[in-house]
Amino acid sequence: MLSYPCKRLKALDKRYRTRYHMSMLENLAFLQANGLEEFVRQQNERYRCARCGKLRMVHQEYCIHCATLEKANRKRKQAQRSRK
């Protein structure tokens, strides 16, 4: 008989708590108590970028969409300056 949560899931949860400040075990408990629809709503709210409105990844502390856009804008502005 398997026990819940297993050692591997506990170890993974510990790493995610440390690195990404989120818990898979808490997410599973929330899902069970509140359902998938509420979980998705909450996660969309939690991981939505305040600047651009796109979802960011739990594995990054920054929004990859804004960072990419900002780099492109910076290059464009540098190119415009060099033409003057």
N, C-alpha and C. Protein backbone atom coordinates (compact mmCIF):
# COMPACT_ATOMS: atom_id res chain seq x y z
N MET A 1 0.83 -1.18 0.00
CA MET A 1 0.00 0.00 0.00
C MET A 1 0.88 1.25 0.00
N LEU A 2 0.55 2.20 -0.86
CA LEU A 2 1.30 3.44 -0.95
C LEU A 2 0.80 4.44 0.09
N SER A 3 1.73 5.19 0.62
CA SER A 3 1.31 6.22 1.56
C SER A 3 1.33 7.57 0.85
N TYR A 4 0.47 8.45 1.27
CA TYR A 4 0.39 9.78 0.68
C TYR A 4 0.83 10.80 1.71
N PRO A 5 1.66 11.71 1.39
CA PRO A 5 2.45 11.77 0.16
C PRO A 5 3.68 10.89 0.26
N CYS A 6 4.14 10.40 -0.87
CA CYS A 6 5.31 9.54 -0.89
C CYS A 6 6.58 10.36 -0.64
N LYS A 7 7.69 9.69 -0.38
CA LYS A 7 8.95 10.36 -0.08
C LYS A 7 9.39 11.27 -1.22
N ARG A 8 9.22 10.81 -2.45
CA ARG A 8 9.66 11.60 -3.61
C ARG A 8 8.85 12.90 -3.72
N LEU A 9 7.55 12.82 -3.51
CA LEU A 9 6.72 14.02 -3.58
C LEU A 9 7.04 14.97 -2.43
N LYS A 10 7.31 14.43 -1.25
CA LYS A 10 7.69 15.27 -0.12
C LYS A 10 9.00 16.00 -0.40
N ALA A 11 9.97 15.29 -0.99
CA ALA A 11 11.26 15.90 -1.31
C ALA A 11 11.10 16.98 -2.38
N LEU A 12 10.30 16.70 -3.40
CA LEU A 12 10.04 17.68 -4.45
C LEU A 12 9.32 18.89 -3.89
N ASP A 13 8.36 18.66 -3.03
CA ASP A 13 7.62 19.76 -2.40
C ASP A 13 8.56 20.64 -1.58
N LYS A 14 9.49 20.03 -0.87
CA LYS A 14 10.45 20.79 -0.06
C LYS A 14 11.32 21.67 -0.95
N ARG A 15 11.79 21.14 -2.08
CA ARG A 15 12.59 21.94 -3.01
C ARG A 15 11.79 23.11 -3.58
N TYR A 16 10.53 22.84 -3.95
CA TYR A 16 9.70 23.90 -4.52
C TYR A 16 9.37 24.97 -3.48
N ARG A 17 9.18 24.57 -2.23
CA ARG A 17 8.93 25.56 -1.18
C ARG A 17 10.14 26.48 -1.02
N THR A 18 11.32 25.89 -1.06
CA THR A 18 12.57 26.64 -0.87
C THR A 18 12.87 27.53 -2.08
N ARG A 19 12.82 26.96 -3.26
CA ARG A 19 13.23 27.69 -4.46
C ARG A 19 12.16 28.62 -5.02
N TYR A 20 10.91 28.16 -5.02
CA TYR A 20 9.85 28.88 -5.73
C TYR A 20 8.72 29.39 -4.85
N HIS A 21 8.83 29.16 -3.56
CA HIS A 21 7.84 29.64 -2.59
C HIS A 21 6.42 29.17 -2.92
N MET A 22 6.32 27.91 -3.31
CA MET A 22 5.01 27.30 -3.54
C MET A 22 5.08 25.84 -3.11
N SER A 23 3.93 25.29 -2.78
CA SER A 23 3.86 23.92 -2.29
C SER A 23 2.90 23.08 -3.13
N MET A 24 3.42 22.03 -3.68
CA MET A 24 2.57 21.11 -4.43
C MET A 24 1.55 20.43 -3.51
N LEU A 25 1.97 20.12 -2.30
CA LEU A 25 1.07 19.46 -1.37
C LEU A 25 -0.07 20.41 -0.96
N GLU A 26 0.25 21.68 -0.74
CA GLU A 26 -0.80 22.66 -0.44
C GLU A 26 -1.73 22.83 -1.63
N ASN A 27 -1.15 22.83 -2.83
CA ASN A 27 -1.97 22.93 -4.04
C ASN A 27 -2.94 21.75 -4.16
N LEU A 28 -2.45 20.55 -3.88
CA LEU A 28 -3.32 19.36 -3.94
C LEU A 28 -4.44 19.44 -2.90
N ALA A 29 -4.11 19.90 -1.71
CA ALA A 29 -5.13 20.05 -0.66
C ALA A 29 -6.15 21.11 -1.05
N PHE A 30 -5.67 22.22 -1.63
CA PHE A 30 -6.58 23.28 -2.08
C PHE A 30 -7.50 22.75 -3.17
N LEU A 31 -6.95 22.02 -4.11
CA LEU A 31 -7.75 21.42 -5.19
C LEU A 31 -8.85 20.53 -4.63
N GLN A 32 -8.48 19.70 -3.68
CA GLN A 32 -9.45 18.78 -3.10
C GLN A 32 -10.56 19.53 -2.37
N ALA A 33 -10.20 20.58 -1.67
CA ALA A 33 -11.18 21.34 -0.88
C ALA A 33 -12.02 22.30 -1.72
N ASN A 34 -11.43 22.88 -2.78
CA ASN A 34 -12.10 23.96 -3.50
C ASN A 34 -12.42 23.68 -4.96
N GLY A 35 -11.84 22.64 -5.52
CA GLY A 35 -12.11 22.29 -6.91
C GLY A 35 -11.15 22.94 -7.89
N LEU A 36 -11.14 22.39 -9.09
CA LEU A 36 -10.22 22.81 -10.13
C LEU A 36 -10.47 24.25 -10.60
N GLU A 37 -11.72 24.60 -10.78
CA GLU A 37 -12.05 25.94 -11.28
C GLU A 37 -11.51 27.03 -10.36
N GLU A 38 -11.71 26.88 -9.05
CA GLU A 38 -11.22 27.88 -8.08
C GLU A 38 -9.70 27.88 -8.03
N PHE A 39 -9.08 26.70 -8.15
CA PHE A 39 -7.62 26.61 -8.15
C PHE A 39 -7.05 27.38 -9.35
N VAL A 40 -7.60 27.17 -10.51
CA VAL A 40 -7.12 27.85 -11.72
C VAL A 40 -7.32 29.36 -11.58
N ARG A 41 -8.45 29.79 -11.06
CA ARG A 41 -8.70 31.21 -10.86
C ARG A 41 -7.65 31.81 -9.94
N GLN A 42 -7.39 31.13 -8.83
CA GLN A 42 -6.41 31.61 -7.85
C GLN A 42 -5.00 31.67 -8.44
N GLN A 43 -4.61 30.64 -9.18
CA GLN A 43 -3.28 30.60 -9.77
C GLN A 43 -3.11 31.68 -10.85
N ASN A 44 -4.16 31.91 -11.63
CA ASN A 44 -4.11 32.98 -12.63
C ASN A 44 -3.90 34.33 -11.96
N GLU A 45 -4.55 34.54 -10.85
CA GLU A 45 -4.40 35.79 -10.11
C GLU A 45 -2.99 35.90 -9.51
N ARG A 46 -2.52 34.82 -8.95
CA ARG A 46 -1.23 34.82 -8.27
C ARG A 46 -0.05 35.01 -9.24
N TYR A 47 -0.13 34.41 -10.41
CA TYR A 47 1.01 34.42 -11.33
C TYR A 47 0.82 35.35 -12.53
N ARG A 48 -0.14 36.25 -12.49
CA ARG A 48 -0.33 37.20 -13.58
C ARG A 48 0.57 38.41 -13.34
N CYS A 49 1.29 38.81 -14.37
CA CYS A 49 2.19 39.96 -14.29
C CYS A 49 1.39 41.24 -14.15
N ALA A 50 1.71 42.04 -13.17
CA ALA A 50 1.00 43.30 -12.95
C ALA A 50 1.30 44.31 -14.05
N ARG A 51 2.45 44.18 -14.68
CA ARG A 51 2.85 45.13 -15.71
C ARG A 51 2.23 44.84 -17.08
N CYS A 52 2.34 43.59 -17.55
CA CYS A 52 1.88 43.29 -18.91
C CYS A 52 0.61 42.44 -18.94
N GLY A 53 0.24 41.86 -17.81
CA GLY A 53 -0.99 41.07 -17.74
C GLY A 53 -0.86 39.63 -18.20
N LYS A 54 0.34 39.23 -18.63
CA LYS A 54 0.53 37.85 -19.06
C LYS A 54 0.92 36.99 -17.87
N LEU A 55 0.75 35.68 -18.03
CA LEU A 55 1.12 34.77 -16.95
C LEU A 55 2.62 34.58 -16.94
N ARG A 56 3.18 34.55 -15.73
CA ARG A 56 4.59 34.25 -15.59
C ARG A 56 4.74 32.84 -15.04
N MET A 57 5.92 32.29 -15.16
CA MET A 57 6.16 30.93 -14.72
C MET A 57 6.52 30.90 -13.24
N VAL A 58 6.15 29.85 -12.60
CA VAL A 58 6.49 29.69 -11.18
C VAL A 58 8.01 29.57 -11.01
N HIS A 59 8.70 29.10 -12.04
CA HIS A 59 10.14 28.89 -11.96
C HIS A 59 10.97 30.16 -12.13
N GLN A 60 10.33 31.27 -12.48
CA GLN A 60 11.03 32.53 -12.66
C GLN A 60 10.42 33.58 -11.74
N GLU A 61 11.25 34.45 -11.20
CA GLU A 61 10.74 35.53 -10.35
C GLU A 61 10.37 36.76 -11.17
N TYR A 62 10.63 36.70 -12.45
CA TYR A 62 10.31 37.82 -13.33
C TYR A 62 9.43 37.34 -14.47
N CYS A 63 8.82 38.25 -15.14
CA CYS A 63 7.96 37.94 -16.27
C CYS A 63 8.82 37.85 -17.52
N ILE A 64 8.84 36.71 -18.16
CA ILE A 64 9.67 36.56 -19.35
C ILE A 64 9.15 37.42 -20.49
N HIS A 65 7.89 37.75 -20.48
CA HIS A 65 7.31 38.56 -21.55
C HIS A 65 7.79 40.01 -21.45
N CYS A 66 7.76 40.58 -20.28
CA CYS A 66 8.22 41.96 -20.09
C CYS A 66 9.71 42.07 -20.31
N ALA A 67 10.47 41.12 -19.81
CA ALA A 67 11.92 41.16 -19.96
C ALA A 67 12.29 41.10 -21.43
N THR A 68 11.62 40.24 -22.18
CA THR A 68 11.89 40.13 -23.61
C THR A 68 11.53 41.42 -24.30
N LEU A 69 10.40 41.98 -23.99
CA LEU A 69 9.94 43.22 -24.60
C LEU A 69 10.88 44.36 -24.25
N GLU A 70 11.31 44.42 -23.01
CA GLU A 70 12.20 45.50 -22.59
C GLU A 70 13.54 45.42 -23.31
N LYS A 71 14.07 44.22 -23.50
CA LYS A 71 15.33 44.07 -24.22
C LYS A 71 15.16 44.54 -25.66
N ALA A 72 14.05 44.18 -26.28
CA ALA A 72 13.80 44.60 -27.66
C ALA A 72 13.69 46.13 -27.75
N ASN A 73 12.98 46.74 -26.80
CA ASN A 73 12.85 48.20 -26.79
C ASN A 73 14.20 48.87 -26.57
N ARG A 74 15.02 48.31 -25.69
CA ARG A 74 16.33 48.87 -25.42
C ARG A 74 17.19 48.84 -26.68
N LYS A 75 17.17 47.72 -27.42
CA LYS A 75 17.95 47.60 -28.65
C LYS A 75 17.45 48.59 -29.70
N ARG A 76 16.14 48.74 -29.80
CA ARG A 76 15.56 49.67 -30.78
C ARG A 76 15.97 51.10 -30.46
N LYS A 77 15.93 51.48 -29.18
CA LYS A 77 16.32 52.85 -28.77
C LYS A 77 17.80 53.08 -29.04
N GLN A 78 18.64 52.08 -28.79
CA GLN A 78 20.06 52.22 -29.05
C GLN A 78 20.32 52.39 -30.54
N ALA A 79 19.60 51.66 -31.36
CA ALA A 79 19.75 51.78 -32.81
C ALA A 79 19.32 53.16 -33.29
N GLN A 80 18.25 53.70 -32.73
CA GLN A 80 17.78 55.02 -33.10
C GLN A 80 18.81 56.09 -32.71
N ARG A 81 19.41 55.97 -31.54
CA ARG A 81 20.43 56.92 -31.09
C ARG A 81 21.65 56.91 -31.99
N SER A 82 22.05 55.71 -32.40
CA SER A 82 23.25 55.60 -33.22
C SER A 82 23.05 56.18 -34.62
N ARG A 83 21.81 56.23 -35.11
CA ARG A 83 21.51 56.81 -36.42
C ARG A 83 21.57 58.34 -36.39
N LYS A 84 21.37 58.95 -35.23
CA LYS A 84 21.32 60.42 -35.13
C LYS A 84 22.67 61.06 -35.18
